[in-house]
Amino acid sequence: MFDVFDLSRVLIRSITELCRADHQDDPQVIAQWTANKDPETIRGWIRDGLQIWLTEQAGQVTAVGGLIETGEITLLYIDPDHIGCGIGAALLDRLERELIAAGCTEARLEATVTAQAFYLRQGWQATGQRCDRQDLSCREMRKSLHPAH
């Protein structure tokens, strides 16, 4: 079992420190975005069909990923102290492999402004659809999970 407090810390730090292009340092937007990232809410995320993945270094959580086995990546947040180390790409690859193992041929996600370029570099494509939520504006993205020939 993972530590929901460490997971919460990584999510909130990543959003607050790395996603400025999305929240523009607006305290109200940050509060809305992080409102469901508290330990108690995170405990409720643990259910059938939903997976939470963590990376650790020296006993500290460095990244958090999540997926729904029907083909959606729901979380990919990196601790600000570990950006640029390849952790995000490695965790995304692992999440994609888990979806393949679950029988998915395509993956989808909602990318923030901050994350869109990262996902494009990893072979994801924007669908052109916006997914406006109350707290921020995202773009729908998809990736074929068919093996390359």
Protein backbone atom coordinates (compact mmCIF):
# COMPACT_ATOMS: atom_id res chain seq x y z
CA MET A 1 0.00 0.00 0.00
CA PHE A 2 1.30 3.43 -0.88
CA ASP A 3 1.50 6.44 1.38
CA VAL A 4 -1.43 8.70 0.46
CA PHE A 5 0.32 11.62 2.18
CA ASP A 6 3.38 11.38 -0.11
CA LEU A 7 1.13 10.93 -3.12
CA SER A 8 -0.88 14.02 -2.14
CA ARG A 9 2.31 16.03 -1.62
CA VAL A 10 3.64 15.17 -5.10
CA LEU A 11 0.33 16.00 -6.79
CA ILE A 12 -0.04 19.36 -5.04
CA ARG A 13 3.61 20.38 -5.51
CA SER A 14 3.54 19.42 -9.18
CA ILE A 15 0.35 21.36 -9.83
CA THR A 16 1.42 24.40 -7.81
CA GLU A 17 5.03 24.65 -9.02
CA LEU A 18 5.00 23.17 -12.54
CA CYS A 19 1.59 24.00 -14.00
CA ARG A 20 1.79 27.79 -13.96
CA ALA A 21 0.83 27.94 -17.64
CA ASP A 22 -2.49 26.43 -16.59
CA HIS A 23 -3.30 28.21 -13.34
CA GLN A 24 -1.39 31.49 -13.84
CA ASP A 25 -0.60 31.45 -10.10
CA ASP A 26 -4.28 32.18 -9.41
CA PRO A 27 -4.89 30.93 -5.84
CA GLN A 28 -8.55 30.16 -6.59
CA VAL A 29 -7.69 27.99 -9.62
CA ILE A 30 -4.95 26.20 -7.67
CA ALA A 31 -7.36 25.57 -4.79
CA GLN A 32 -10.01 24.15 -7.14
CA TRP A 33 -7.48 21.94 -8.94
CA THR A 34 -5.93 20.57 -5.76
CA ALA A 35 -9.16 20.26 -3.75
CA ASN A 36 -9.48 16.54 -4.51
CA LYS A 37 -5.77 15.77 -4.04
CA ASP A 38 -5.94 15.40 -0.25
CA PRO A 39 -5.07 12.06 1.41
CA GLU A 40 -8.67 11.20 2.31
CA THR A 41 -9.93 11.67 -1.25
CA ILE A 42 -6.97 9.74 -2.64
CA ARG A 43 -7.90 6.76 -0.44
CA GLY A 44 -11.23 6.69 -2.28
CA TRP A 45 -9.45 6.35 -5.64
CA ILE A 46 -8.52 2.78 -4.77
CA ARG A 47 -11.11 0.59 -6.49
CA ASP A 48 -11.38 -2.15 -9.09
CA GLY A 49 -10.28 -1.14 -12.57
CA LEU A 50 -8.23 1.83 -11.36
CA GLN A 51 -4.49 1.59 -10.91
CA ILE A 52 -2.18 4.05 -9.14
CA TRP A 53 1.55 3.81 -9.90
CA LEU A 54 4.35 5.54 -8.03
CA THR A 55 8.04 5.96 -8.65
CA GLU A 56 10.39 6.34 -5.73
CA GLN A 57 13.97 7.37 -5.20
CA ALA A 58 15.68 6.93 -1.83
CA GLY A 59 12.30 6.17 -0.27
CA GLN A 60 10.68 9.38 -1.54
CA VAL A 61 7.82 9.43 -4.05
CA THR A 62 9.04 11.13 -7.23
CA ALA A 63 6.05 10.65 -9.56
CA VAL A 64 2.43 9.51 -9.57
CA GLY A 65 0.58 7.88 -12.44
CA GLY A 66 -2.92 6.53 -12.72
CA LEU A 67 -5.05 4.68 -15.20
CA ILE A 68 -8.45 3.19 -15.72
CA GLU A 69 -8.17 -0.23 -17.33
CA THR A 70 -10.65 0.72 -20.06
CA GLY A 71 -7.95 2.86 -21.68
CA GLU A 72 -7.66 6.18 -19.87
CA ILE A 73 -4.59 7.63 -18.21
CA THR A 74 -5.95 9.68 -15.34
CA LEU A 75 -2.79 10.94 -13.61
CA LEU A 76 0.80 11.71 -14.49
CA TYR A 77 2.45 14.14 -12.11
CA ILE A 78 6.16 14.51 -11.38
CA ASP A 79 7.67 15.99 -8.23
CA PRO A 80 9.27 19.32 -9.20
CA ASP A 81 12.64 18.20 -7.82
CA HIS A 82 12.73 15.35 -10.36
CA ILE A 83 11.77 17.04 -13.62
CA GLY A 84 14.05 16.32 -16.58
CA CYS A 85 15.29 12.97 -15.27
CA GLY A 86 13.18 10.79 -17.59
CA ILE A 87 10.85 9.70 -14.81
CA GLY A 88 7.74 11.01 -16.54
CA ALA A 89 8.53 9.25 -19.82
CA ALA A 90 9.35 6.00 -18.02
CA LEU A 91 6.16 6.11 -15.95
CA LEU A 92 4.03 6.95 -18.99
CA ASP A 93 5.58 4.01 -20.84
CA ARG A 94 4.70 1.74 -17.91
CA LEU A 95 1.11 3.00 -17.85
CA GLU A 96 0.80 2.39 -21.60
CA ARG A 97 2.15 -1.16 -21.20
CA GLU A 98 -0.40 -1.80 -18.43
CA LEU A 99 -3.20 -0.68 -20.75
CA ILE A 100 -1.91 -3.00 -23.47
CA ALA A 101 -1.86 -5.86 -20.94
CA ALA A 102 -5.49 -4.99 -20.09
CA GLY A 103 -6.39 -5.45 -23.78
CA CYS A 104 -6.59 -1.79 -24.83
CA THR A 105 -5.61 -0.86 -28.37
CA GLU A 106 -5.87 2.88 -27.80
CA ALA A 107 -5.20 5.13 -24.83
CA ARG A 108 -6.69 8.52 -24.08
CA LEU A 109 -6.06 11.31 -21.62
CA GLU A 110 -6.76 14.97 -20.95
CA ALA A 111 -3.58 17.03 -21.19
CA THR A 112 -3.05 20.34 -19.48
CA VAL A 113 -1.37 23.19 -21.35
CA THR A 114 1.78 22.42 -19.36
CA ALA A 115 1.84 18.73 -20.37
CA GLN A 116 0.79 18.85 -24.04
CA ALA A 117 4.30 19.17 -25.51
CA PHE A 118 5.51 16.30 -23.31
CA TYR A 119 2.76 13.99 -24.57
CA LEU A 120 3.38 14.98 -28.19
CA ARG A 121 7.06 14.00 -27.74
CA GLN A 122 5.88 10.62 -26.44
CA GLY A 123 3.86 9.88 -29.58
CA TRP A 124 0.46 11.11 -28.43
CA GLN A 125 -1.79 13.09 -30.76
CA ALA A 126 -4.22 15.87 -29.95
CA THR A 127 -7.75 15.04 -31.06
CA GLY A 128 -8.64 18.70 -31.52
CA GLN A 129 -11.26 18.43 -28.79
CA ARG A 130 -11.12 20.66 -25.76
CA CYS A 131 -12.22 19.26 -22.44
CA ASP A 132 -13.06 22.34 -20.46
CA ARG A 133 -13.45 21.55 -16.83
CA GLN A 134 -14.31 23.94 -14.07
CA ASP A 135 -10.72 24.27 -12.89
CA LEU A 136 -8.73 24.41 -16.15
CA SER A 137 -8.76 23.89 -19.87
CA CYS A 138 -7.33 20.68 -21.31
CA ARG A 139 -6.95 19.00 -24.68
CA GLU A 140 -8.05 15.46 -25.37
CA MET A 141 -5.21 13.30 -26.61
CA ARG A 142 -5.04 9.75 -27.94
CA LYS A 143 -2.36 7.20 -28.73
CA SER A 144 -2.56 3.94 -30.61
CA LEU A 145 -1.26 1.08 -28.52
CA HIS A 146 -0.84 -1.26 -31.48
CA PRO A 147 2.71 -2.57 -31.60
CA ALA A 148 4.91 -1.07 -34.30
CA HIS A 149 5.73 -3.48 -37.13
